[in-house]
Structure formats: C-alpha cells, structure tokens
Amino acid sequence: MIFEYDARVDALDITLSDGVVTRTLQLDPGTLIDLDAAGTLVSIEVIHPARDWPLADITEGYQLDPEDVAVLESLWGGSEGRPYPFTRERELAPA
C-alpha cells in the first residue's frame, strides 16, 4: 500500500495494487475508486481526507486484505477524537 498526500489540494491517493485501471467509480463528491478489469480495487482517491468519507462502502464492497483494512481504518477521518495524519492545516481567521 502506497500513500501520496498532496497538501496543496488536500488530496490523498492510496494505491493498493499495481493493477491496470480500467474504470473509475465516484462514491461521493470527493471519493473515487479505481478498479481493474476483474473489478479488483486498485486505488482510492480522497479529496479532503479528514472528512467522513465512505470507507465502509469500500471495505464491505471489495475484497481487501485484513491488514489493508486495518491500515485504512486507522487513516479514516470519520471518527471523532482520532488524530488524522493527512490534513491541511487550518488557517486562523483574523481577529
């Protein structure tokens, strides 16, 4: 699993395999998944990944290694109180 975070646009790309992407599905306005010809999940792209993105739809809808699921769950921004490693720092509003 390879993670690439682009802080400039606040986007996280998660590569799960080196398969050839044949189609891309949009799960919500900021979550795209890439699939190979057999329907195997190749990668996930999440815009503003600190938000509550549809991780359960991904882990329940596609066959993933349990270790990969555990890593993805540790990165998911949908749980309150959990620090999130990929996020843009918020700018403070002027006083």
C-alpha atoms as a PDB file:
ATOM      1  CA  MET A   1       0.000   0.000   0.000  1.00  0.00           C
ATOM      2  CA  ILE A   2       1.366   3.385  -1.028  1.00  0.00           C
ATOM      3  CA  PHE A   3       0.063   6.731   0.217  1.00  0.00           C
ATOM      4  CA  GLU A   4       0.577  10.012  -1.584  1.00  0.00           C
ATOM      5  CA  TYR A   5      -0.808  13.134   0.049  1.00  0.00           C
ATOM      6  CA  ASP A   6      -0.888  16.423  -1.856  1.00  0.00           C
ATOM      7  CA  ALA A   7      -1.230  19.186   0.741  1.00  0.00           C
ATOM      8  CA  ARG A   8      -1.621  21.799  -1.991  1.00  0.00           C
ATOM      9  CA  VAL A   9      -5.043  20.405  -2.930  1.00  0.00           C
ATOM     10  CA  ASP A  10      -5.703  18.384   0.263  1.00  0.00           C
ATOM     11  CA  ALA A  11      -6.000  15.063  -1.577  1.00  0.00           C
ATOM     12  CA  LEU A  12      -4.920  11.567  -0.562  1.00  0.00           C
ATOM     13  CA  ASP A  13      -4.174   8.848  -3.110  1.00  0.00           C
ATOM     14  CA  ILE A  14      -3.969   5.284  -1.762  1.00  0.00           C
ATOM     15  CA  THR A  15      -2.544   2.659  -4.120  1.00  0.00           C
ATOM     16  CA  LEU A  16      -3.469  -0.884  -3.110  1.00  0.00           C
ATOM     17  CA  SER A  17      -2.109  -2.828  -6.076  1.00  0.00           C
ATOM     18  CA  ASP A  18      -0.213  -2.401  -9.324  1.00  0.00           C
ATOM     19  CA  GLY A  19      -3.202  -3.494 -11.408  1.00  0.00           C
ATOM     20  CA  VAL A  20      -4.185  -1.764 -14.627  1.00  0.00           C
ATOM     21  CA  VAL A  21      -7.077   0.625 -14.073  1.00  0.00           C
ATOM     22  CA  THR A  22      -9.972   0.012 -16.463  1.00  0.00           C
ATOM     23  CA  ARG A  23     -12.675   2.062 -14.766  1.00  0.00           C
ATOM     24  CA  THR A  24     -13.157   4.677 -12.086  1.00  0.00           C
ATOM     25  CA  LEU A  25     -16.205   4.991  -9.855  1.00  0.00           C
ATOM     26  CA  GLN A  26     -17.234   8.040  -7.854  1.00  0.00           C
ATOM     27  CA  LEU A  27     -18.571   7.003  -4.438  1.00  0.00           C
ATOM     28  CA  ASP A  28     -19.322  10.527  -3.246  1.00  0.00           C
ATOM     29  CA  PRO A  29     -18.348  14.037  -4.426  1.00  0.00           C
ATOM     30  CA  GLY A  30     -14.787  13.627  -3.101  1.00  0.00           C
ATOM     31  CA  THR A  31     -14.072   9.881  -3.213  1.00  0.00           C
ATOM     32  CA  LEU A  32     -13.034   7.991  -6.361  1.00  0.00           C
ATOM     33  CA  ILE A  33     -12.011   4.361  -6.643  1.00  0.00           C
ATOM     34  CA  ASP A  34     -10.090   2.740  -9.492  1.00  0.00           C
ATOM     35  CA  LEU A  35     -10.814  -0.859 -10.476  1.00  0.00           C
ATOM     36  CA  ASP A  36      -9.086  -3.313 -12.796  1.00  0.00           C
ATOM     37  CA  ALA A  37     -10.853  -5.438 -15.431  1.00  0.00           C
ATOM     38  CA  ALA A  38     -11.814  -8.061 -12.812  1.00  0.00           C
ATOM     39  CA  GLY A  39     -13.344  -5.423 -10.510  1.00  0.00           C
ATOM     40  CA  THR A  40     -10.477  -5.553  -8.029  1.00  0.00           C
ATOM     41  CA  LEU A  41      -9.772  -2.330  -6.177  1.00  0.00           C
ATOM     42  CA  VAL A  42      -6.535  -0.751  -7.419  1.00  0.00           C
ATOM     43  CA  SER A  43      -6.581   2.669  -5.741  1.00  0.00           C
ATOM     44  CA  ILE A  44      -8.625   5.193  -3.780  1.00  0.00           C
ATOM     45  CA  GLU A  45      -8.502   8.973  -4.136  1.00  0.00           C
ATOM     46  CA  VAL A  46      -9.998  11.104  -1.383  1.00  0.00           C
ATOM     47  CA  ILE A  47     -10.360  14.872  -1.592  1.00  0.00           C
ATOM     48  CA  HIS A  48     -10.293  16.464   1.891  1.00  0.00           C
ATOM     49  CA  PRO A  49      -9.485  13.108   3.556  1.00  0.00           C
ATOM     50  CA  ALA A  50     -10.013  14.343   7.125  1.00  0.00           C
ATOM     51  CA  ARG A  51     -13.759  14.270   6.440  1.00  0.00           C
ATOM     52  CA  ASP A  52     -16.125  11.335   6.852  1.00  0.00           C
ATOM     53  CA  TRP A  53     -15.529   9.544   3.515  1.00  0.00           C
ATOM     54  CA  PRO A  54     -17.273   6.234   2.623  1.00  0.00           C
ATOM     55  CA  LEU A  55     -14.656   3.803   3.910  1.00  0.00           C
ATOM     56  CA  ALA A  56     -17.264   1.233   4.991  1.00  0.00           C
ATOM     57  CA  ASP A  57     -18.637   1.115   1.430  1.00  0.00           C
ATOM     58  CA  ILE A  58     -15.128   0.335   0.195  1.00  0.00           C
ATOM     59  CA  THR A  59     -14.188  -2.264   2.811  1.00  0.00           C
ATOM     60  CA  GLU A  60     -17.566  -4.017   2.571  1.00  0.00           C
ATOM     61  CA  GLY A  61     -17.880  -3.828  -1.215  1.00  0.00           C
ATOM     62  CA  TYR A  62     -14.423  -5.006  -2.253  1.00  0.00           C
ATOM     63  CA  GLN A  63     -12.246  -7.897  -1.160  1.00  0.00           C
ATOM     64  CA  LEU A  64      -9.293  -6.414   0.727  1.00  0.00           C
ATOM     65  CA  ASP A  65      -6.545  -7.926   2.823  1.00  0.00           C
ATOM     66  CA  PRO A  66      -7.488  -7.590   6.534  1.00  0.00           C
ATOM     67  CA  GLU A  67      -4.182  -5.809   7.195  1.00  0.00           C
ATOM     68  CA  ASP A  68      -5.006  -3.253   4.483  1.00  0.00           C
ATOM     69  CA  VAL A  69      -8.445  -2.730   6.038  1.00  0.00           C
ATOM     70  CA  ALA A  70      -6.844  -2.093   9.437  1.00  0.00           C
ATOM     71  CA  VAL A  71      -4.473   0.481   7.923  1.00  0.00           C
ATOM     72  CA  LEU A  72      -7.305   2.211   6.043  1.00  0.00           C
ATOM     73  CA  GLU A  73      -9.419   2.333   9.202  1.00  0.00           C
ATOM     74  CA  SER A  74      -6.523   3.908  11.095  1.00  0.00           C
ATOM     75  CA  LEU A  75      -6.384   6.692   8.481  1.00  0.00           C
ATOM     76  CA  TRP A  76     -10.109   7.347   8.249  1.00  0.00           C
ATOM     77  CA  GLY A  77     -11.117  10.811   9.384  1.00  0.00           C
ATOM     78  CA  GLY A  78     -14.683   9.933  10.310  1.00  0.00           C
ATOM     79  CA  SER A  79     -14.079   9.098  13.972  1.00  0.00           C
ATOM     80  CA  GLU A  80     -14.172  11.937  16.462  1.00  0.00           C
ATOM     81  CA  GLY A  81     -11.136  12.324  18.670  1.00  0.00           C
ATOM     82  CA  ARG A  82      -8.854  10.351  16.393  1.00  0.00           C
ATOM     83  CA  PRO A  83      -5.817  12.275  15.157  1.00  0.00           C
ATOM     84  CA  TYR A  84      -5.627  12.316  11.386  1.00  0.00           C
ATOM     85  CA  PRO A  85      -2.226  12.140   9.661  1.00  0.00           C
ATOM     86  CA  PHE A  86      -3.256  13.615   6.291  1.00  0.00           C
ATOM     87  CA  THR A  87      -4.839  17.004   6.577  1.00  0.00           C
ATOM     88  CA  ARG A  88      -4.197  20.555   5.608  1.00  0.00           C
ATOM     89  CA  GLU A  89      -3.511  22.902   8.496  1.00  0.00           C
ATOM     90  CA  ARG A  90      -6.397  25.281   9.016  1.00  0.00           C
ATOM     91  CA  GLU A  91      -5.643  28.953   8.754  1.00  0.00           C
ATOM     92  CA  LEU A  92      -6.830  31.086  11.623  1.00  0.00           C
ATOM     93  CA  ALA A  93      -9.297  33.821  10.802  1.00  0.00           C
ATOM     94  CA  PRO A  94      -8.056  37.330  11.560  1.00  0.00           C
ATOM     95  CA  ALA A  95      -9.155  38.637  14.961  1.00  0.00           C
END
